[in-house]
Amino acid sequence: MDDVIALQKASEIIARLPKREVARNSQKLYAKTFKRLWNTQPLDLLAGNPARDTYQIRRAALHFIARGVLVSLTGQILRAEGAGDHPRMDALLRELKVILDRIEEPLELHPAEAGPPDFRIASPWRSTAGTRPVRGAASKKHDLGRLPDGWREQVWQAMPHNAFRDVVAAMCLCPARPGEYSSARDDGKLAEGVLVERRGITLELTTRPLKSHGGAYGTGESTVVVAIAEGGAPARHLAKLCDQAGGAIRLMIASPDALRKTVSRAGKRARMPRSISPYAFRSQWVADSKVTFGSGADVAAGAGHSSLRSQSAYGRVEHGRRGGGGLVATRAVRAAKEPTIPTRERLDALKERTRNPSAYPPR
C-alpha cells in the first residue's frame, strides 16, 4: 500500500468514527477487549458466537481504540516528517499499514452510527446466520416471566413466624436491598434499616440505599408509597404492626445472608418453579414500577439508583403489573442523573421500535 494512500485511508476512517468522551473504566475495558480481538485471526467481532451485549462492547472497543490509534499514529508521522526524521517516519508508516490491514474490513462490516440507531436495519450481530445466546437468560430479570402471578405474597405466606417474616412483607412492597435491612453497612456506617410509617390509607417505606458512599452518591434517601388495600396481606400486616407501635416501625436484621437463605427455603415451601432470592423481589418491584410510572425518574427514585440507566438491568415491563404491590408513588432526596443527549436519542429510537415492532426487523 502506498504511503499517501495509507494516510488518506487513515484520515477517512478517523472522519467516519465519532469522537467520544469515555469514562476511565470504560477506556480500560475497551483496551482489554481490543487486545483480545487483535489476537484473533482474522479480527472478528462475532468470533465465539457472542451474546448481544458482548458484541456491542467489542464494536464500541473497535471504534474507540481504532480512532485513538489512528489519530496518534498519523500525528506522529506528520511530526516525524516535519522534523526530517525519515527512519522513524518509515517505521510509523509500516505500523500504520499493518493496523489498516487488520481493521479496514471489520470497520466496513461493523460501521459506526452517525446518529441515533436506525432500528429498521438489522444489526450484523442479528443478520449473521446461527442462533445467538442471550446473556443472563437464567437471571432473576428473565426468571420473573416463569413465576406465577402473586408469587411474592405466596412466598411471604410460606415464611415462618419470625423477624424475617416482617422484612419479607416489606420486600413485597419496596425494592430495598437485603443489606439495607442489615444492622451494618458496607461503607462502615450504622444502618438505619427500613422505616415503615402508616399515613392514613397508605404506607411509606423509606431507606438509605447502599452503594451511596455515605450518601454522597445516588438518591440519598428513597421512599415508596403503597396503598394498603391494594398491597394485599403483606401491606395489611405491616399496617397492623405500625398501629401497634404508634404509627411507625423500623425493620432491621442481623444478617443479609440469613435472609437470603430464609427466602430461598420459603420459595421451595411455596413450590416456586425457580429459586427465589431477595433480589427477585427487587426486580419484580422495578418491573411493576416500569408499568406503573414508565421507565424513568420515578423508578430510579424508588430503587435508589444514581443513574436512570441502571433500571435496564432489572425487571422487564412485560413481567410487571400496574400498581403491583399497591404501588402509588416514589420520591427521593436527590434525583438520578439524566441521560446524555445521545443516550436520550437512542432511548427515543428504541421506544419508537417498541411502539411499532412490525416495522422493524429483530436486531
Protein backbone atom coordinates (compact mmCIF):
# COMPACT_ATOMS: atom_id res chain seq x y z
CA MET A 1 0.00 0.00 0.00
CA ASP A 2 1.36 3.41 -1.00
CA ASP A 3 2.27 5.74 1.87
CA VAL A 4 -0.03 8.51 0.63
CA ILE A 5 -2.94 6.08 0.21
CA ALA A 6 -2.37 4.74 3.74
CA LEU A 7 -2.52 8.23 5.23
CA GLN A 8 -5.61 9.05 3.17
CA LYS A 9 -7.38 5.87 4.31
CA ALA A 10 -6.49 6.61 7.93
CA SER A 11 -7.95 10.12 7.59
CA GLU A 12 -11.17 8.74 6.05
CA ILE A 13 -11.59 6.21 8.86
CA ILE A 14 -10.98 8.87 11.52
CA ALA A 15 -13.65 11.04 9.90
CA ARG A 16 -16.16 8.15 9.97
CA LEU A 17 -15.59 7.22 13.61
CA PRO A 18 -17.22 9.57 16.15
CA LYS A 19 -15.05 11.27 18.76
CA ARG A 20 -16.34 10.11 22.14
CA GLU A 21 -15.74 11.13 25.73
CA VAL A 22 -15.36 7.83 27.58
CA ALA A 23 -15.01 7.20 31.31
CA ARG A 24 -11.67 5.84 32.50
CA ASN A 25 -13.07 2.43 33.45
CA SER A 26 -14.71 2.12 30.03
CA GLN A 27 -11.41 3.00 28.38
CA LYS A 28 -9.72 0.17 30.30
CA LEU A 29 -12.49 -2.24 29.26
CA TYR A 30 -12.21 -1.20 25.60
CA ALA A 31 -8.41 -1.55 25.64
CA LYS A 32 -8.63 -5.05 27.13
CA THR A 33 -11.38 -6.06 24.69
CA PHE A 34 -9.48 -4.71 21.66
CA LYS A 35 -6.34 -6.56 22.73
CA ARG A 36 -8.29 -9.84 22.75
CA LEU A 37 -9.79 -9.02 19.34
CA TRP A 38 -6.36 -8.17 17.93
CA ASN A 39 -5.13 -11.65 18.87
CA THR A 40 -7.86 -13.34 16.77
CA GLN A 41 -7.13 -14.25 13.14
CA PRO A 42 -8.85 -12.59 11.39
CA LEU A 43 -10.07 -9.78 13.64
CA ASP A 44 -13.69 -10.96 14.07
CA LEU A 45 -16.24 -9.30 16.35
CA LEU A 46 -18.55 -12.32 16.02
CA ALA A 47 -15.93 -14.92 16.99
CA GLY A 48 -17.22 -17.41 19.54
CA ASN A 49 -20.90 -16.66 18.84
CA PRO A 50 -21.11 -13.80 21.39
CA ALA A 51 -24.21 -12.58 23.20
CA ARG A 52 -25.51 -9.21 22.01
CA ASP A 53 -24.00 -7.11 24.80
CA THR A 54 -20.59 -8.76 24.26
CA TYR A 55 -20.84 -7.91 20.57
CA GLN A 56 -21.75 -4.31 21.37
CA ILE A 57 -18.78 -3.93 23.71
CA ARG A 58 -16.47 -5.37 21.05
CA ARG A 59 -17.90 -2.98 18.46
CA ALA A 60 -17.52 0.04 20.75
CA ALA A 61 -13.95 -1.04 21.57
CA LEU A 62 -13.08 -1.37 17.88
CA HIS A 63 -14.40 2.12 17.09
CA PHE A 64 -12.88 3.85 20.12
CA ILE A 65 -9.43 2.23 20.07
CA ALA A 66 -9.11 2.30 16.26
CA ARG A 67 -9.80 6.03 16.17
CA GLY A 68 -7.40 6.76 19.01
CA VAL A 69 -4.59 4.70 17.49
CA LEU A 70 -5.04 6.21 14.02
CA VAL A 71 -5.13 9.76 15.36
CA SER A 72 -1.98 9.12 17.38
CA LEU A 73 -0.09 7.41 14.55
CA THR A 74 -0.94 9.97 11.86
CA GLY A 75 0.05 12.75 14.24
CA GLN A 76 3.41 11.09 14.96
CA ILE A 77 4.03 10.55 11.23
CA LEU A 78 3.42 14.20 10.43
CA ARG A 79 5.67 15.32 13.28
CA ALA A 80 8.45 12.95 12.18
CA GLU A 81 8.15 14.26 8.60
CA GLY A 82 8.32 17.85 9.85
CA ALA A 83 11.45 17.05 11.86
CA GLY A 84 13.07 15.31 8.90
CA ASP A 85 13.28 12.02 10.86
CA HIS A 86 12.69 9.72 7.87
CA PRO A 87 13.68 6.40 9.54
CA ARG A 88 11.10 6.97 12.27
CA MET A 89 8.52 8.11 9.72
CA ASP A 90 9.07 4.94 7.67
CA ALA A 91 8.71 2.74 10.76
CA LEU A 92 5.47 4.51 11.75
CA LEU A 93 4.08 4.16 8.23
CA ARG A 94 4.78 0.41 8.28
CA GLU A 95 2.94 0.16 11.61
CA LEU A 96 0.03 2.18 10.18
CA LYS A 97 -0.28 -0.16 7.18
CA VAL A 98 -0.36 -3.24 9.43
CA ILE A 99 -3.16 -1.70 11.54
CA LEU A 100 -5.16 -0.61 8.50
CA ASP A 101 -4.85 -4.09 7.02
CA ARG A 102 -6.37 -5.58 10.20
CA ILE A 103 -9.18 -3.08 10.92
CA GLU A 104 -10.44 -1.97 7.48
CA GLU A 105 -12.71 -4.97 6.88
CA PRO A 106 -14.13 -5.17 10.45
CA LEU A 107 -14.96 -1.44 10.28
CA GLU A 108 -16.79 -1.98 6.98
CA LEU A 109 -18.75 -4.90 8.44
CA HIS A 110 -19.50 -3.13 11.73
CA PRO A 111 -19.70 0.60 10.91
CA ALA A 112 -20.24 3.37 13.42
CA GLU A 113 -23.61 5.10 13.51
CA ALA A 114 -23.55 8.83 12.85
CA GLY A 115 -26.67 9.46 14.94
CA PRO A 116 -29.42 7.50 16.74
CA PRO A 117 -29.60 3.86 15.62
CA ASP A 118 -31.88 3.01 12.70
CA PHE A 119 -33.82 0.04 14.06
CA ARG A 120 -35.24 -0.66 10.61
CA ILE A 121 -31.87 -2.17 9.71
CA ALA A 122 -30.88 -5.46 11.33
CA SER A 123 -27.51 -5.33 13.09
CA PRO A 124 -24.63 -7.54 11.86
CA TRP A 125 -24.97 -9.50 15.11
CA ARG A 126 -28.58 -10.41 14.25
CA SER A 127 -28.22 -10.82 10.48
CA THR A 128 -25.43 -13.41 10.70
CA ALA A 129 -26.64 -16.98 10.45
CA GLY A 130 -26.91 -19.00 13.64
CA THR A 131 -28.71 -18.84 16.97
CA ARG A 132 -27.32 -16.17 19.25
CA PRO A 133 -27.17 -16.67 23.03
CA VAL A 134 -28.93 -14.30 25.43
CA ARG A 135 -26.71 -13.18 28.29
CA GLY A 136 -28.34 -13.65 31.68
CA ALA A 137 -31.15 -15.84 30.30
CA ALA A 138 -31.30 -17.58 33.71
CA SER A 139 -31.09 -14.33 35.72
CA LYS A 140 -33.81 -13.01 38.02
CA LYS A 141 -34.60 -10.37 35.38
CA HIS A 142 -35.73 -13.12 32.98
CA ASP A 143 -36.94 -15.55 35.66
CA LEU A 144 -39.89 -13.27 36.51
CA GLY A 145 -41.71 -14.50 33.41
CA ARG A 146 -41.56 -18.06 34.78
CA LEU A 147 -43.06 -17.17 38.17
CA PRO A 148 -46.84 -17.25 38.82
CA ASP A 149 -48.91 -14.11 39.40
CA GLY A 150 -48.84 -13.10 43.04
CA TRP A 151 -45.68 -15.09 43.71
CA ARG A 152 -44.35 -12.59 46.26
CA GLU A 153 -47.35 -12.96 48.55
CA GLN A 154 -47.21 -16.75 48.17
CA VAL A 155 -43.58 -16.77 49.31
CA TRP A 156 -44.44 -14.44 52.21
CA GLN A 157 -47.29 -16.74 53.30
CA ALA A 158 -44.79 -19.62 53.35
CA MET A 159 -42.46 -17.72 55.71
CA PRO A 160 -42.15 -18.89 59.33
CA HIS A 161 -43.42 -16.51 62.01
CA ASN A 162 -40.12 -14.86 62.89
CA ALA A 163 -38.39 -11.49 62.38
CA PHE A 164 -37.71 -12.28 58.73
CA ARG A 165 -41.43 -12.52 58.01
CA ASP A 166 -41.86 -8.77 58.62
CA VAL A 167 -38.89 -7.98 56.39
CA VAL A 168 -40.23 -10.15 53.55
CA ALA A 169 -43.58 -8.37 53.88
CA ALA A 170 -41.71 -5.11 53.21
CA MET A 171 -39.83 -6.74 50.32
CA CYS A 172 -43.21 -7.42 48.70
CA LEU A 173 -43.84 -3.66 48.65
CA CYS A 174 -40.48 -1.90 48.20
CA PRO A 175 -37.17 -2.63 46.43
CA ALA A 176 -34.77 -2.26 49.36
CA ARG A 177 -31.66 -4.43 49.01
CA PRO A 178 -31.00 -7.17 51.62
CA GLY A 179 -28.08 -5.17 53.03
CA GLU A 180 -30.33 -2.15 53.61
CA TYR A 181 -32.17 -4.13 56.29
CA SER A 182 -28.90 -5.09 57.96
CA SER A 183 -27.51 -3.65 61.18
CA ALA A 184 -24.14 -2.99 59.47
CA ARG A 185 -23.25 -1.14 56.28
CA ASP A 186 -20.51 -1.81 53.76
CA ASP A 187 -19.40 1.83 53.99
CA GLY A 188 -18.74 1.42 57.71
CA LYS A 189 -21.74 3.42 58.88
CA LEU A 190 -24.53 2.07 61.06
CA ALA A 191 -27.64 1.10 59.12
CA GLU A 192 -30.99 2.59 59.94
CA GLY A 193 -32.90 -0.30 58.38
CA VAL A 194 -36.14 0.31 56.50
CA LEU A 195 -38.59 2.72 58.12
CA VAL A 196 -42.27 1.84 57.65
CA GLU A 197 -44.82 4.57 58.51
CA ARG A 198 -48.58 4.49 58.25
CA ARG A 199 -50.14 7.57 56.64
CA GLY A 200 -53.90 7.00 56.67
CA ILE A 201 -54.71 4.56 53.88
CA THR A 202 -51.10 4.32 52.72
CA LEU A 203 -47.74 3.05 53.95
CA GLU A 204 -44.46 4.86 53.33
CA LEU A 205 -41.32 2.71 53.26
CA THR A 206 -38.07 4.69 53.44
CA THR A 207 -34.47 3.55 53.17
CA ARG A 208 -30.98 4.98 52.66
CA PRO A 209 -29.65 2.99 49.72
CA LEU A 210 -26.38 1.11 49.77
CA LYS A 211 -23.68 1.93 47.21
CA SER A 212 -24.06 5.62 48.10
CA HIS A 213 -20.66 6.14 49.82
CA GLY A 214 -22.18 7.65 52.91
CA GLY A 215 -24.89 9.49 50.97
CA ALA A 216 -22.50 11.25 48.59
CA TYR A 217 -24.00 9.49 45.56
CA GLY A 218 -27.34 8.09 44.48
CA THR A 219 -30.71 9.24 45.74
CA GLY A 220 -29.56 9.78 49.34
CA GLU A 221 -32.89 8.51 50.62
CA SER A 222 -35.68 6.65 48.82
CA THR A 223 -39.35 6.40 49.75
CA VAL A 224 -42.03 4.14 48.27
CA VAL A 225 -45.72 4.94 48.88
CA VAL A 226 -48.09 1.96 48.90
CA ALA A 227 -51.89 1.77 49.13
CA ILE A 228 -52.69 -0.62 51.99
CA ALA A 229 -55.85 -2.02 50.41
CA GLU A 230 -54.14 -2.80 47.09
CA GLY A 231 -50.94 -4.02 48.75
CA GLY A 232 -52.57 -7.24 49.89
CA ALA A 233 -51.83 -9.27 53.02
CA PRO A 234 -48.21 -8.04 53.40
CA ALA A 235 -49.36 -4.39 53.42
CA ARG A 236 -52.14 -5.12 55.92
CA HIS A 237 -49.66 -6.98 58.13
CA LEU A 238 -47.24 -4.04 58.21
CA ALA A 239 -50.07 -1.55 58.75
CA LYS A 240 -51.19 -3.54 61.78
CA LEU A 241 -47.64 -3.54 63.18
CA CYS A 242 -47.44 0.24 62.67
CA ASP A 243 -50.74 0.74 64.51
CA GLN A 244 -49.49 -1.36 67.41
CA ALA A 245 -46.22 0.62 67.56
CA GLY A 246 -47.85 4.06 67.44
CA GLY A 247 -47.63 4.72 63.70
CA ALA A 248 -44.19 3.53 62.57
CA ILE A 249 -41.77 0.60 62.78
CA ARG A 250 -38.16 0.13 61.73
CA LEU A 251 -37.22 -3.20 60.15
CA MET A 252 -33.68 -4.48 60.71
CA ILE A 253 -31.91 -7.84 60.54
CA ALA A 254 -28.54 -9.08 61.77
CA SER A 255 -27.50 -10.96 58.62
CA PRO A 256 -28.42 -10.43 54.94
CA ASP A 257 -27.09 -13.93 54.24
CA ALA A 258 -29.55 -15.44 56.71
CA LEU A 259 -32.32 -13.50 54.95
CA ARG A 260 -31.29 -14.95 51.58
CA LYS A 261 -31.34 -18.50 52.95
CA THR A 262 -34.71 -18.00 54.64
CA VAL A 263 -36.27 -16.58 51.46
CA SER A 264 -34.86 -19.45 49.39
CA ARG A 265 -36.38 -22.03 51.74
CA ALA A 266 -39.73 -20.21 51.72
CA GLY A 267 -39.70 -20.27 47.91
CA LYS A 268 -39.26 -24.04 47.98
CA ARG A 269 -42.09 -24.43 50.50
CA ALA A 270 -44.30 -22.30 48.25
CA ARG A 271 -43.36 -24.63 45.34
CA MET A 272 -41.98 -21.84 43.17
CA PRO A 273 -40.74 -23.12 39.79
CA ARG A 274 -37.47 -21.20 40.17
CA SER A 275 -35.10 -20.41 43.03
CA ILE A 276 -36.17 -17.24 44.88
CA SER A 277 -33.78 -14.66 46.31
CA PRO A 278 -34.36 -11.20 47.84
CA TYR A 279 -33.20 -9.64 44.57
CA ALA A 280 -36.09 -11.36 42.76
CA PHE A 281 -38.40 -9.17 44.87
CA ARG A 282 -36.40 -6.08 43.91
CA SER A 283 -36.51 -7.00 40.23
CA GLN A 284 -40.28 -7.56 40.39
CA TRP A 285 -40.76 -4.15 42.01
CA VAL A 286 -38.81 -2.48 39.18
CA ALA A 287 -40.93 -4.33 36.59
CA ASP A 288 -44.14 -3.18 38.33
CA SER A 289 -42.91 0.40 38.62
CA LYS A 290 -41.96 0.50 34.92
CA VAL A 291 -45.55 -0.42 34.07
CA THR A 292 -46.97 1.99 36.67
CA PHE A 293 -44.75 5.03 36.01
CA GLY A 294 -42.94 4.27 32.76
CA SER A 295 -39.16 3.91 32.78
CA GLY A 296 -37.54 7.00 34.25
CA ALA A 297 -37.03 9.13 37.32
CA ASP A 298 -39.87 7.65 39.41
CA VAL A 299 -38.44 4.15 39.04
CA ALA A 300 -34.93 5.36 39.92
CA ALA A 301 -36.22 7.29 42.95
CA GLY A 302 -37.77 4.19 44.48
CA ALA A 303 -34.92 1.84 43.60
CA GLY A 304 -32.20 4.19 44.86
CA HIS A 305 -30.39 4.37 41.52
CA SER A 306 -27.96 7.20 40.82
CA SER A 307 -28.46 6.80 37.05
CA LEU A 308 -31.62 6.26 35.02
CA ARG A 309 -29.76 3.65 33.01
CA SER A 310 -29.44 1.26 35.99
CA GLN A 311 -33.07 0.17 35.82
CA SER A 312 -32.46 -1.57 32.47
CA ALA A 313 -30.66 -4.35 34.37
CA TYR A 314 -33.80 -5.20 36.35
CA GLY A 315 -37.32 -6.50 35.68
CA ARG A 316 -38.84 -6.17 32.23
CA VAL A 317 -42.07 -4.31 31.51
CA GLU A 318 -43.85 -7.41 30.22
CA HIS A 319 -43.36 -9.07 33.63
CA GLY A 320 -44.79 -6.15 35.62
CA ARG A 321 -48.27 -5.19 36.76
CA ARG A 322 -49.64 -1.67 37.05
CA GLY A 323 -49.87 -0.76 40.72
CA GLY A 324 -48.32 -4.11 41.67
CA GLY A 325 -47.86 -4.42 45.42
CA GLY A 326 -50.15 -1.42 45.89
CA LEU A 327 -47.54 0.91 44.38
CA VAL A 328 -48.74 4.54 44.32
CA ALA A 329 -45.70 6.84 44.22
CA THR A 330 -41.98 7.22 44.92
CA ARG A 331 -39.75 10.09 45.96
CA ALA A 332 -36.08 10.68 46.67
CA VAL A 333 -33.89 13.32 48.30
CA ARG A 334 -31.79 13.56 45.11
CA ALA A 335 -32.84 12.90 41.53
CA ALA A 336 -30.96 10.37 39.42
CA LYS A 337 -28.61 11.61 36.72
CA GLU A 338 -30.36 12.41 33.46
CA PRO A 339 -29.07 10.58 30.38
CA THR A 340 -26.95 12.48 27.89
CA ILE A 341 -28.47 13.76 24.64
CA PRO A 342 -27.09 10.83 22.56
CA THR A 343 -28.47 8.37 25.12
CA ARG A 344 -31.89 10.08 25.03
CA GLU A 345 -31.88 9.87 21.24
CA ARG A 346 -31.15 6.15 21.43
CA LEU A 347 -33.91 5.68 24.01
CA ASP A 348 -36.39 7.59 21.83
CA ALA A 349 -35.48 5.41 18.85
CA LEU A 350 -35.90 2.28 20.98
CA LYS A 351 -39.30 3.45 22.28
CA GLU A 352 -40.46 4.04 18.70
CA ARG A 353 -39.39 0.50 17.83
CA THR A 354 -41.30 -0.82 20.86
CA ARG A 355 -44.48 1.06 19.85
CA ASN A 356 -44.35 -0.22 16.27
CA PRO A 357 -42.45 -3.54 16.28
CA SER A 358 -43.87 -4.77 12.97
CA ALA A 359 -41.98 -2.01 11.11
CA TYR A 360 -38.60 -3.16 12.42
CA PRO A 361 -36.69 -6.43 11.97
CA PRO A 362 -35.16 -8.18 15.00
CA ARG A 363 -31.76 -6.71 15.93
